[in-house]
Every structure is written in structure tokens, then in C-alpha cells.
Amino acid sequence: MPIYWTLKSIPELSDLSPAERNQFWARISRNSFRHWQTWLGLLGCGLIAAAGEVLGRQLGHPYIGAAIGGGIGGFIYSQSVVYVARMHCLHVLAAKSA
């Protein structure tokens, strides 16, 4: 599974200008909340942040643990949003060109 760090690294968006890319992403990413994969990624983000806080508490630094867990969980969440959004990109781009 490829990892997408920026919007430009998403193949369906790479040919668009930065303004078009941001506008298109805003439109597509809102629709991703209609799918269970996005909600599962968001739940995973919270659970990993909580696990980081618990581990950090055992080491004497709960906030640092929560921040690290939240960062890891946020990355997983962002990748789930990209996965769902890519499923719909082709349909929206086809409608735009028609």
C-alpha cells in the first residue's frame, strides 16, 4: 500500500494546479465521512493516542506518550481518508470533464 504524504503525491490530483487540487480535495474529503473506513481510522487514532498516554504514564510522561500516539494515529487516519477519497476521485473527475 503506497503512502501519500502530500496531496500532490496522490496520482489523481498530481496533474491539477495547487488551487484546483485544494478545492478538489476539500470536496472529496468531506464525502469520505460517509464510509466506515474513515470512521474506523478516526477510532483507531483515538485508541492509539490513548494507548500512547497509558504507556507514557507508566514511563512518567503521559503527555509525551499521548502526543506520540496521536501522531501515529493521525497518520493512520489520514491514510484511511486518502484511501476512501481515491475511490471517488475518478467519478468526480469524469463528471467534471463531461
PDB file of N, CA and C in Angstrom:
ATOM      1  N   MET A   1       0.842  -1.172   0.000  1.00  0.00           N
ATOM      2  CA  MET A   1       0.000   0.000   0.000  1.00  0.00           C
ATOM      3  C   MET A   1       0.891   1.240   0.000  1.00  0.00           C
ATOM      4  N   PRO A   2       0.724   2.106  -0.984  1.00  0.00           N
ATOM      5  CA  PRO A   2       1.551   3.327  -1.030  1.00  0.00           C
ATOM      6  C   PRO A   2       1.134   4.311   0.058  1.00  0.00           C
ATOM      7  N   ILE A   3       2.084   5.117   0.475  1.00  0.00           N
ATOM      8  CA  ILE A   3       1.843   6.146   1.481  1.00  0.00           C
ATOM      9  C   ILE A   3       1.832   7.490   0.772  1.00  0.00           C
ATOM     10  N   TYR A   4       0.812   8.287   1.046  1.00  0.00           N
ATOM     11  CA  TYR A   4       0.666   9.597   0.425  1.00  0.00           C
ATOM     12  C   TYR A   4       0.934  10.667   1.476  1.00  0.00           C
ATOM     13  N   TRP A   5       2.048  11.390   1.304  1.00  0.00           N
ATOM     14  CA  TRP A   5       2.445  12.410   2.267  1.00  0.00           C
ATOM     15  C   TRP A   5       1.828  13.757   1.957  1.00  0.00           C
ATOM     16  N   THR A   6       1.603  14.060   0.687  1.00  0.00           N
ATOM     17  CA  THR A   6       1.028  15.339   0.279  1.00  0.00           C
ATOM     18  C   THR A   6      -0.079  15.088  -0.724  1.00  0.00           C
ATOM     19  N   LEU A   7      -0.864  16.121  -0.993  1.00  0.00           N
ATOM     20  CA  LEU A   7      -1.919  15.985  -1.998  1.00  0.00           C
ATOM     21  C   LEU A   7      -1.340  15.773  -3.388  1.00  0.00           C
ATOM     22  N   LYS A   8      -0.177  16.359  -3.650  1.00  0.00           N
ATOM     23  CA  LYS A   8       0.436  16.201  -4.967  1.00  0.00           C
ATOM     24  C   LYS A   8       0.892  14.764  -5.206  1.00  0.00           C
ATOM     25  N   SER A   9       1.141  14.006  -4.146  1.00  0.00           N
ATOM     26  CA  SER A   9       1.588  12.625  -4.324  1.00  0.00           C
ATOM     27  C   SER A   9       0.433  11.669  -4.643  1.00  0.00           C
ATOM     28  N   ILE A  10      -0.798  12.146  -4.548  1.00  0.00           N
ATOM     29  CA  ILE A  10      -1.952  11.331  -4.933  1.00  0.00           C
ATOM     30  C   ILE A  10      -2.061  11.378  -6.453  1.00  0.00           C
ATOM     31  N   PRO A  11      -1.995  10.248  -7.136  1.00  0.00           N
ATOM     32  CA  PRO A  11      -1.934  10.249  -8.611  1.00  0.00           C
ATOM     33  C   PRO A  11      -3.081  11.001  -9.278  1.00  0.00           C
ATOM     34  N   GLU A  12      -4.284  10.891  -8.755  1.00  0.00           N
ATOM     35  CA  GLU A  12      -5.432  11.547  -9.384  1.00  0.00           C
ATOM     36  C   GLU A  12      -5.368  13.071  -9.263  1.00  0.00           C
ATOM     37  N   LEU A  13      -4.601  13.586  -8.325  1.00  0.00           N
ATOM     38  CA  LEU A  13      -4.530  15.020  -8.103  1.00  0.00           C
ATOM     39  C   LEU A  13      -3.230  15.645  -8.591  1.00  0.00           C
ATOM     40  N   SER A  14      -2.281  14.841  -9.000  1.00  0.00           N
ATOM     41  CA  SER A  14      -0.946  15.365  -9.321  1.00  0.00           C
ATOM     42  C   SER A  14      -0.925  16.292 -10.528  1.00  0.00           C
ATOM     43  N   ASP A  15      -1.858  16.152 -11.467  1.00  0.00           N
ATOM     44  CA  ASP A  15      -1.862  16.988 -12.667  1.00  0.00           C
ATOM     45  C   ASP A  15      -2.593  18.319 -12.482  1.00  0.00           C
ATOM     46  N   LEU A  16      -3.255  18.504 -11.351  1.00  0.00           N
ATOM     47  CA  LEU A  16      -4.016  19.729 -11.123  1.00  0.00           C
ATOM     48  C   LEU A  16      -3.120  20.826 -10.555  1.00  0.00           C
ATOM     49  N   SER A  17      -3.535  22.065 -10.725  1.00  0.00           N
ATOM     50  CA  SER A  17      -2.807  23.178 -10.121  1.00  0.00           C
ATOM     51  C   SER A  17      -3.029  23.139  -8.603  1.00  0.00           C
ATOM     52  N   PRO A  18      -2.172  23.788  -7.827  1.00  0.00           N
ATOM     53  CA  PRO A  18      -2.351  23.758  -6.364  1.00  0.00           C
ATOM     54  C   PRO A  18      -3.723  24.261  -5.902  1.00  0.00           C
ATOM     55  N   ALA A  19      -4.242  25.304  -6.526  1.00  0.00           N
ATOM     56  CA  ALA A  19      -5.562  25.814  -6.133  1.00  0.00           C
ATOM     57  C   ALA A  19      -6.661  24.801  -6.468  1.00  0.00           C
ATOM     58  N   GLU A  20      -6.588  24.229  -7.672  1.00  0.00           N
ATOM     59  CA  GLU A  20      -7.578  23.213  -8.064  1.00  0.00           C
ATOM     60  C   GLU A  20      -7.469  21.983  -7.178  1.00  0.00           C
ATOM     61  N   ARG A  21      -6.248  21.601  -6.855  1.00  0.00           N
ATOM     62  CA  ARG A  21      -6.007  20.428  -6.010  1.00  0.00           C
ATOM     63  C   ARG A  21      -6.645  20.619  -4.631  1.00  0.00           C
ATOM     64  N   ASN A  22      -6.441  21.786  -4.032  1.00  0.00           N
ATOM     65  CA  ASN A  22      -7.013  22.048  -2.713  1.00  0.00           C
ATOM     66  C   ASN A  22      -8.531  22.095  -2.753  1.00  0.00           C
ATOM     67  N   GLN A  23      -9.080  22.717  -3.778  1.00  0.00           N
ATOM     68  CA  GLN A  23     -10.531  22.794  -3.922  1.00  0.00           C
ATOM     69  C   GLN A  23     -11.125  21.403  -4.138  1.00  0.00           C
ATOM     70  N   PHE A  24     -10.490  20.624  -4.988  1.00  0.00           N
ATOM     71  CA  PHE A  24     -10.971  19.272  -5.269  1.00  0.00           C
ATOM     72  C   PHE A  24     -10.876  18.401  -4.023  1.00  0.00           C
ATOM     73  N   TRP A  25      -9.769  18.522  -3.279  1.00  0.00           N
ATOM     74  CA  TRP A  25      -9.591  17.708  -2.076  1.00  0.00           C
ATOM     75  C   TRP A  25     -10.629  18.064  -1.018  1.00  0.00           C
ATOM     76  N   ALA A  26     -10.937  19.343  -0.870  1.00  0.00           N
ATOM     77  CA  ALA A  26     -11.952  19.752   0.104  1.00  0.00           C
ATOM     78  C   ALA A  26     -13.301  19.123  -0.232  1.00  0.00           C
ATOM     79  N   ARG A  27     -13.606  19.080  -1.503  1.00  0.00           N
ATOM     80  CA  ARG A  27     -14.877  18.490  -1.951  1.00  0.00           C
ATOM     81  C   ARG A  27     -14.908  16.983  -1.714  1.00  0.00           C
ATOM     82  N   ILE A  28     -13.828  16.308  -2.052  1.00  0.00           N
ATOM     83  CA  ILE A  28     -13.774  14.848  -1.940  1.00  0.00           C
ATOM     84  C   ILE A  28     -13.654  14.390  -0.485  1.00  0.00           C
ATOM     85  N   SER A  29     -12.812  15.056   0.296  1.00  0.00           N
ATOM     86  CA  SER A  29     -12.567  14.576   1.661  1.00  0.00           C
ATOM     87  C   SER A  29     -13.805  14.703   2.540  1.00  0.00           C
ATOM     88  N   ARG A  30     -14.667  15.676   2.270  1.00  0.00           N
ATOM     89  CA  ARG A  30     -15.921  15.766   3.042  1.00  0.00           C
ATOM     90  C   ARG A  30     -16.775  14.529   2.840  1.00  0.00           C
ATOM     91  N   ASN A  31     -16.786  14.008   1.622  1.00  0.00           N
ATOM     92  CA  ASN A  31     -17.600  12.827   1.330  1.00  0.00           C
ATOM     93  C   ASN A  31     -17.047  11.556   1.949  1.00  0.00           C
ATOM     94  N   SER A  32     -15.801  11.572   2.378  1.00  0.00           N
ATOM     95  CA  SER A  32     -15.216  10.352   2.941  1.00  0.00           C
ATOM     96  C   SER A  32     -15.847   9.974   4.273  1.00  0.00           C
ATOM     97  N   PHE A  33     -16.507  10.920   4.948  1.00  0.00           N
ATOM     98  CA  PHE A  33     -17.132  10.610   6.232  1.00  0.00           C
ATOM     99  C   PHE A  33     -18.426   9.818   6.092  1.00  0.00           C
ATOM    100  N   ARG A  34     -18.791   9.498   4.884  1.00  0.00           N
ATOM    101  CA  ARG A  34     -19.955   8.642   4.642  1.00  0.00           C
ATOM    102  C   ARG A  34     -19.579   7.160   4.631  1.00  0.00           C
ATOM    103  N   HIS A  35     -18.318   6.860   4.864  1.00  0.00           N
ATOM    104  CA  HIS A  35     -17.841   5.486   4.753  1.00  0.00           C
ATOM    105  C   HIS A  35     -17.243   5.006   6.063  1.00  0.00           C
ATOM    106  N   TRP A  36     -17.429   3.733   6.332  1.00  0.00           N
ATOM    107  CA  TRP A  36     -16.994   3.162   7.600  1.00  0.00           C
ATOM    108  C   TRP A  36     -15.479   3.160   7.749  1.00  0.00           C
ATOM    109  N   GLN A  37     -14.739   3.099   6.643  1.00  0.00           N
ATOM    110  CA  GLN A  37     -13.284   3.060   6.734  1.00  0.00           C
ATOM    111  C   GLN A  37     -12.733   4.339   7.372  1.00  0.00           C
ATOM    112  N   THR A  38     -13.332   5.463   7.049  1.00  0.00           N
ATOM    113  CA  THR A  38     -12.893   6.728   7.627  1.00  0.00           C
ATOM    114  C   THR A  38     -13.172   6.756   9.119  1.00  0.00           C
ATOM    115  N   TRP A  39     -14.345   6.318   9.508  1.00  0.00           N
ATOM    116  CA  TRP A  39     -14.693   6.309  10.932  1.00  0.00           C
ATOM    117  C   TRP A  39     -13.830   5.319  11.708  1.00  0.00           C
ATOM    118  N   LEU A  40     -13.498   4.194  11.081  1.00  0.00           N
ATOM    119  CA  LEU A  40     -12.610   3.239  11.737  1.00  0.00           C
ATOM    120  C   LEU A  40     -11.216   3.836  11.926  1.00  0.00           C
ATOM    121  N   GLY A  41     -10.732   4.585  10.937  1.00  0.00           N
ATOM    122  CA  GLY A  41      -9.447   5.265  11.065  1.00  0.00           C
ATOM    123  C   GLY A  41      -9.465   6.303  12.177  1.00  0.00           C
ATOM    124  N   LEU A  42     -10.569   7.027  12.322  1.00  0.00           N
ATOM    125  CA  LEU A  42     -10.698   8.022  13.381  1.00  0.00           C
ATOM    126  C   LEU A  42     -10.749   7.353  14.755  1.00  0.00           C
ATOM    127  N   LEU A  43     -11.462   6.249  14.853  1.00  0.00           N
ATOM    128  CA  LEU A  43     -11.488   5.489  16.105  1.00  0.00           C
ATOM    129  C   LEU A  43     -10.102   4.963  16.443  1.00  0.00           C
ATOM    130  N   GLY A  44      -9.410   4.445  15.434  1.00  0.00           N
ATOM    131  CA  GLY A  44      -8.044   3.965  15.646  1.00  0.00           C
ATOM    132  C   GLY A  44      -7.124   5.068  16.119  1.00  0.00           C
ATOM    133  N   CYS A  45      -7.292   6.276  15.589  1.00  0.00           N
ATOM    134  CA  CYS A  45      -6.487   7.419  16.012  1.00  0.00           C
ATOM    135  C   CYS A  45      -6.670   7.670  17.503  1.00  0.00           C
ATOM    136  N   GLY A  46      -7.908   7.687  17.957  1.00  0.00           N
ATOM    137  CA  GLY A  46      -8.180   7.904  19.374  1.00  0.00           C
ATOM    138  C   GLY A  46      -7.649   6.791  20.254  1.00  0.00           C
ATOM    139  N   LEU A  47      -7.803   5.553  19.804  1.00  0.00           N
ATOM    140  CA  LEU A  47      -7.326   4.423  20.603  1.00  0.00           C
ATOM    141  C   LEU A  47      -5.803   4.392  20.703  1.00  0.00           C
ATOM    142  N   ILE A  48      -5.131   4.712  19.618  1.00  0.00           N
ATOM    143  CA  ILE A  48      -3.670   4.721  19.647  1.00  0.00           C
ATOM    144  C   ILE A  48      -3.162   5.878  20.511  1.00  0.00           C
ATOM    145  N   ALA A  49      -3.837   7.026  20.463  1.00  0.00           N
ATOM    146  CA  ALA A  49      -3.461   8.147  21.333  1.00  0.00           C
ATOM    147  C   ALA A  49      -3.657   7.771  22.795  1.00  0.00           C
ATOM    148  N   ALA A  50      -4.751   7.078  23.095  1.00  0.00           N
ATOM    149  CA  ALA A  50      -4.993   6.639  24.469  1.00  0.00           C
ATOM    150  C   ALA A  50      -3.947   5.617  24.915  1.00  0.00           C
ATOM    151  N   ALA A  51      -3.592   4.707  24.022  1.00  0.00           N
ATOM    152  CA  ALA A  51      -2.563   3.718  24.365  1.00  0.00           C
ATOM    153  C   ALA A  51      -1.217   4.406  24.588  1.00  0.00           C
ATOM    154  N   GLY A  52      -0.926   5.434  23.800  1.00  0.00           N
ATOM    155  CA  GLY A  52       0.306   6.193  23.996  1.00  0.00           C
ATOM    156  C   GLY A  52       0.312   6.905  25.330  1.00  0.00           C
ATOM    157  N   GLU A  53      -0.842   7.423  25.742  1.00  0.00           N
ATOM    158  CA  GLU A  53      -0.940   8.093  27.037  1.00  0.00           C
ATOM    159  C   GLU A  53      -0.723   7.109  28.182  1.00  0.00           C
ATOM    160  N   VAL A  54      -1.295   5.925  28.067  1.00  0.00           N
ATOM    161  CA  VAL A  54      -1.116   4.901  29.103  1.00  0.00           C
ATOM    162  C   VAL A  54       0.349   4.486  29.190  1.00  0.00           C
ATOM    163  N   LEU A  55       0.957   4.249  28.047  1.00  0.00           N
ATOM    164  CA  LEU A  55       2.366   3.875  28.047  1.00  0.00           C
ATOM    165  C   LEU A  55       3.231   5.019  28.576  1.00  0.00           C
ATOM    166  N   GLY A  56       2.899   6.238  28.171  1.00  0.00           N
ATOM    167  CA  GLY A  56       3.635   7.394  28.665  1.00  0.00           C
ATOM    168  C   GLY A  56       3.480   7.591  30.155  1.00  0.00           C
ATOM    169  N   ARG A  57       2.299   7.298  30.684  1.00  0.00           N
ATOM    170  CA  ARG A  57       2.074   7.408  32.129  1.00  0.00           C
ATOM    171  C   ARG A  57       2.958   6.426  32.885  1.00  0.00           C
ATOM    172  N   GLN A  58       3.120   5.238  32.362  1.00  0.00           N
ATOM    173  CA  GLN A  58       3.988   4.247  33.011  1.00  0.00           C
ATOM    174  C   GLN A  58       5.441   4.689  32.994  1.00  0.00           C
ATOM    175  N   LEU A  59       5.821   5.487  31.991  1.00  0.00           N
ATOM    176  CA  LEU A  59       7.193   5.979  31.896  1.00  0.00           C
ATOM    177  C   LEU A  59       7.367   7.356  32.531  1.00  0.00           C
ATOM    178  N   GLY A  60       6.268   7.915  33.060  1.00  0.00           N
ATOM    179  CA  GLY A  60       6.346   9.192  33.739  1.00  0.00           C
ATOM    180  C   GLY A  60       6.107  10.406  32.861  1.00  0.00           C
ATOM    181  N   HIS A  61       5.685  10.216  31.611  1.00  0.00           N
ATOM    182  CA  HIS A  61       5.445  11.328  30.681  1.00  0.00           C
ATOM    183  C   HIS A  61       4.162  11.074  29.882  1.00  0.00           C
ATOM    184  N   PRO A  62       2.998  11.217  30.522  1.00  0.00           N
ATOM    185  CA  PRO A  62       1.747  10.884  29.811  1.00  0.00           C
ATOM    186  C   PRO A  62       1.461  11.781  28.617  1.00  0.00           C
ATOM    187  N   TYR A  63       1.810  13.069  28.686  1.00  0.00           N
ATOM    188  CA  TYR A  63       1.518  13.968  27.569  1.00  0.00           C
ATOM    189  C   TYR A  63       2.392  13.665  26.358  1.00  0.00           C
ATOM    190  N   ILE A  64       3.624  13.324  26.616  1.00  0.00           N
ATOM    191  CA  ILE A  64       4.509  12.963  25.503  1.00  0.00           C
ATOM    192  C   ILE A  64       4.026  11.672  24.848  1.00  0.00           C
ATOM    193  N   GLY A  65       3.627  10.713  25.667  1.00  0.00           N
ATOM    194  CA  GLY A  65       3.090   9.461  25.129  1.00  0.00           C
ATOM    195  C   GLY A  65       1.836   9.677  24.319  1.00  0.00           C
ATOM    196  N   ALA A  66       0.939  10.557  24.817  1.00  0.00           N
ATOM    197  CA  ALA A  66      -0.294  10.848  24.079  1.00  0.00           C
ATOM    198  C   ALA A  66       0.010  11.564  22.773  1.00  0.00           C
ATOM    199  N   ALA A  67       1.003  12.462  22.792  1.00  0.00           N
ATOM    200  CA  ALA A  67       1.371  13.177  21.564  1.00  0.00           C
ATOM    201  C   ALA A  67       1.944  12.223  20.522  1.00  0.00           C
ATOM    202  N   ILE A  68       2.795  11.315  20.943  1.00  0.00           N
ATOM    203  CA  ILE A  68       3.367  10.343  20.007  1.00  0.00           C
ATOM    204  C   ILE A  68       2.280   9.407  19.489  1.00  0.00           C
ATOM    205  N   GLY A  69       1.432   8.911  20.392  1.00  0.00           N
ATOM    206  CA  GLY A  69       0.324   8.051  19.971  1.00  0.00           C
ATOM    207  C   GLY A  69      -0.636   8.775  19.051  1.00  0.00           C
ATOM    208  N   GLY A  70      -0.911  10.056  19.342  1.00  0.00           N
ATOM    209  CA  GLY A  70      -1.789  10.842  18.484  1.00  0.00           C
ATOM    210  C   GLY A  70      -1.191  11.075  17.111  1.00  0.00           C
ATOM    211  N   GLY A  71       0.113  11.273  17.069  1.00  0.00           N
ATOM    212  CA  GLY A  71       0.783  11.442  15.775  1.00  0.00           C
ATOM    213  C   GLY A  71       0.700  10.190  14.927  1.00  0.00           C
ATOM    214  N   ILE A  72       0.941   9.055  15.544  1.00  0.00           N
ATOM    215  CA  ILE A  72       0.851   7.779  14.817  1.00  0.00           C
ATOM    216  C   ILE A  72      -0.592   7.518  14.397  1.00  0.00           C
ATOM    217  N   GLY A  73      -1.529   7.727  15.320  1.00  0.00           N
ATOM    218  CA  GLY A  73      -2.938   7.538  14.994  1.00  0.00           C
ATOM    219  C   GLY A  73      -3.422   8.492  13.927  1.00  0.00           C
ATOM    220  N   GLY A  74      -2.952   9.740  13.971  1.00  0.00           N
ATOM    221  CA  GLY A  74      -3.324  10.725  12.958  1.00  0.00           C
ATOM    222  C   GLY A  74      -2.831  10.339  11.580  1.00  0.00           C
ATOM    223  N   PHE A  75      -1.631   9.764  11.532  1.00  0.00           N
ATOM    224  CA  PHE A  75      -1.108   9.288  10.252  1.00  0.00           C
ATOM    225  C   PHE A  75      -1.981   8.170   9.688  1.00  0.00           C
ATOM    226  N   ILE A  76      -2.361   7.234  10.538  1.00  0.00           N
ATOM    227  CA  ILE A  76      -3.221   6.134  10.096  1.00  0.00           C
ATOM    228  C   ILE A  76      -4.572   6.672   9.633  1.00  0.00           C
ATOM    229  N   TYR A  77      -5.112   7.620  10.361  1.00  0.00           N
ATOM    230  CA  TYR A  77      -6.384   8.228   9.981  1.00  0.00           C
ATOM    231  C   TYR A  77      -6.273   8.935   8.624  1.00  0.00           C
ATOM    232  N   SER A  78      -5.213   9.696   8.428  1.00  0.00           N
ATOM    233  CA  SER A  78      -5.073  10.421   7.160  1.00  0.00           C
ATOM    234  C   SER A  78      -4.962   9.468   5.986  1.00  0.00           C
ATOM    235  N   GLN A  79      -4.298   8.353   6.179  1.00  0.00           N
ATOM    236  CA  GLN A  79      -4.190   7.387   5.095  1.00  0.00           C
ATOM    237  C   GLN A  79      -5.533   6.722   4.798  1.00  0.00           C
ATOM    238  N   SER A  80      -6.363   6.523   5.825  1.00  0.00           N
ATOM    239  CA  SER A  80      -7.688   5.948   5.575  1.00  0.00           C
ATOM    240  C   SER A  80      -8.572   6.930   4.817  1.00  0.00           C
ATOM    241  N   VAL A  81      -8.448   8.236   5.109  1.00  0.00           N
ATOM    242  CA  VAL A  81      -9.217   9.244   4.372  1.00  0.00           C
ATOM    243  C   VAL A  81      -8.774   9.271   2.907  1.00  0.00           C
ATOM    244  N   VAL A  82      -7.473   9.209   2.670  1.00  0.00           N
ATOM    245  CA  VAL A  82      -6.968   9.210   1.296  1.00  0.00           C
ATOM    246  C   VAL A  82      -7.464   7.972   0.551  1.00  0.00           C
ATOM    247  N   TYR A  83      -7.455   6.834   1.206  1.00  0.00           N
ATOM    248  CA  TYR A  83      -7.924   5.595   0.580  1.00  0.00           C
ATOM    249  C   TYR A  83      -9.377   5.728   0.130  1.00  0.00           C
ATOM    250  N   VAL A  84     -10.231   6.217   1.003  1.00  0.00           N
ATOM    251  CA  VAL A  84     -11.646   6.366   0.670  1.00  0.00           C
ATOM    252  C   VAL A  84     -11.837   7.437  -0.397  1.00  0.00           C
ATOM    253  N   ALA A  85     -11.129   8.538  -0.284  1.00  0.00           N
ATOM    254  CA  ALA A  85     -11.279   9.628  -1.252  1.00  0.00           C
ATOM    255  C   ALA A  85     -10.833   9.211  -2.644  1.00  0.00           C
ATOM    256  N   ARG A  86      -9.793   8.415  -2.729  1.00  0.00           N
ATOM    257  CA  ARG A  86      -9.323   7.963  -4.044  1.00  0.00           C
ATOM    258  C   ARG A  86     -10.359   7.099  -4.748  1.00  0.00           C
ATOM    259  N   MET A  87     -11.182   6.389  -3.986  1.00  0.00           N
ATOM    260  CA  MET A  87     -12.225   5.572  -4.605  1.00  0.00           C
ATOM    261  C   MET A  87     -13.222   6.439  -5.375  1.00  0.00           C
ATOM    262  N   HIS A  88     -13.399   7.680  -4.933  1.00  0.00           N
ATOM    263  CA  HIS A  88     -14.381   8.559  -5.549  1.00  0.00           C
ATOM    264  C   HIS A  88     -13.785   9.584  -6.505  1.00  0.00           C
ATOM    265  N   CYS A  89     -12.474   9.696  -6.538  1.00  0.00           N
ATOM    266  CA  CYS A  89     -11.834  10.707  -7.387  1.00  0.00           C
ATOM    267  C   CYS A  89     -12.175  10.531  -8.856  1.00  0.00           C
ATOM    268  N   LEU A  90     -12.105   9.338  -9.352  1.00  0.00           N
ATOM    269  CA  LEU A  90     -12.336   9.125 -10.778  1.00  0.00           C
ATOM    270  C   LEU A  90     -13.752   9.495 -11.189  1.00  0.00           C
ATOM    271  N   HIS A  91     -14.729   9.214 -10.324  1.00  0.00           N
ATOM    272  CA  HIS A  91     -16.113   9.562 -10.642  1.00  0.00           C
ATOM    273  C   HIS A  91     -16.301  11.079 -10.719  1.00  0.00           C
ATOM    274  N   VAL A  92     -15.698  11.780  -9.779  1.00  0.00           N
ATOM    275  CA  VAL A  92     -15.843  13.230  -9.752  1.00  0.00           C
ATOM    276  C   VAL A  92     -15.087  13.869 -10.908  1.00  0.00           C
ATOM    277  N   LEU A  93     -13.883  13.377 -11.206  1.00  0.00           N
ATOM    278  CA  LEU A  93     -13.120  13.922 -12.328  1.00  0.00           C
ATOM    279  C   LEU A  93     -13.815  13.665 -13.657  1.00  0.00           C
ATOM    280  N   ALA A  94     -14.448  12.500 -13.800  1.00  0.00           N
ATOM    281  CA  ALA A  94     -15.182  12.199 -15.023  1.00  0.00           C
ATOM    282  C   ALA A  94     -16.376  13.132 -15.182  1.00  0.00           C
ATOM    283  N   ALA A  95     -17.072  13.423 -14.089  1.00  0.00           N
ATOM    284  CA  ALA A  95     -18.217  14.331 -14.140  1.00  0.00           C
ATOM    285  C   ALA A  95     -17.773  15.758 -14.437  1.00  0.00           C
ATOM    286  N   LYS A  96     -16.585  16.123 -13.956  1.00  0.00           N
ATOM    287  CA  LYS A  96     -16.052  17.465 -14.177  1.00  0.00           C
ATOM    288  C   LYS A  96     -15.697  17.677 -15.647  1.00  0.00           C
ATOM    289  N   SER A  97     -15.143  16.655 -16.286  1.00  0.00           N
ATOM    290  CA  SER A  97     -14.726  16.796 -17.679  1.00  0.00           C
ATOM    291  C   SER A  97     -15.892  16.651 -18.656  1.00  0.00           C
ATOM    292  N   ALA A  98     -16.993  16.094 -18.194  1.00  0.00           N
ATOM    293  CA  ALA A  98     -18.154  15.898 -19.087  1.00  0.00           C
ATOM    294  C   ALA A  98     -18.984  17.130 -19.251  1.00  0.00           C
TER     295      ALA A  98
END
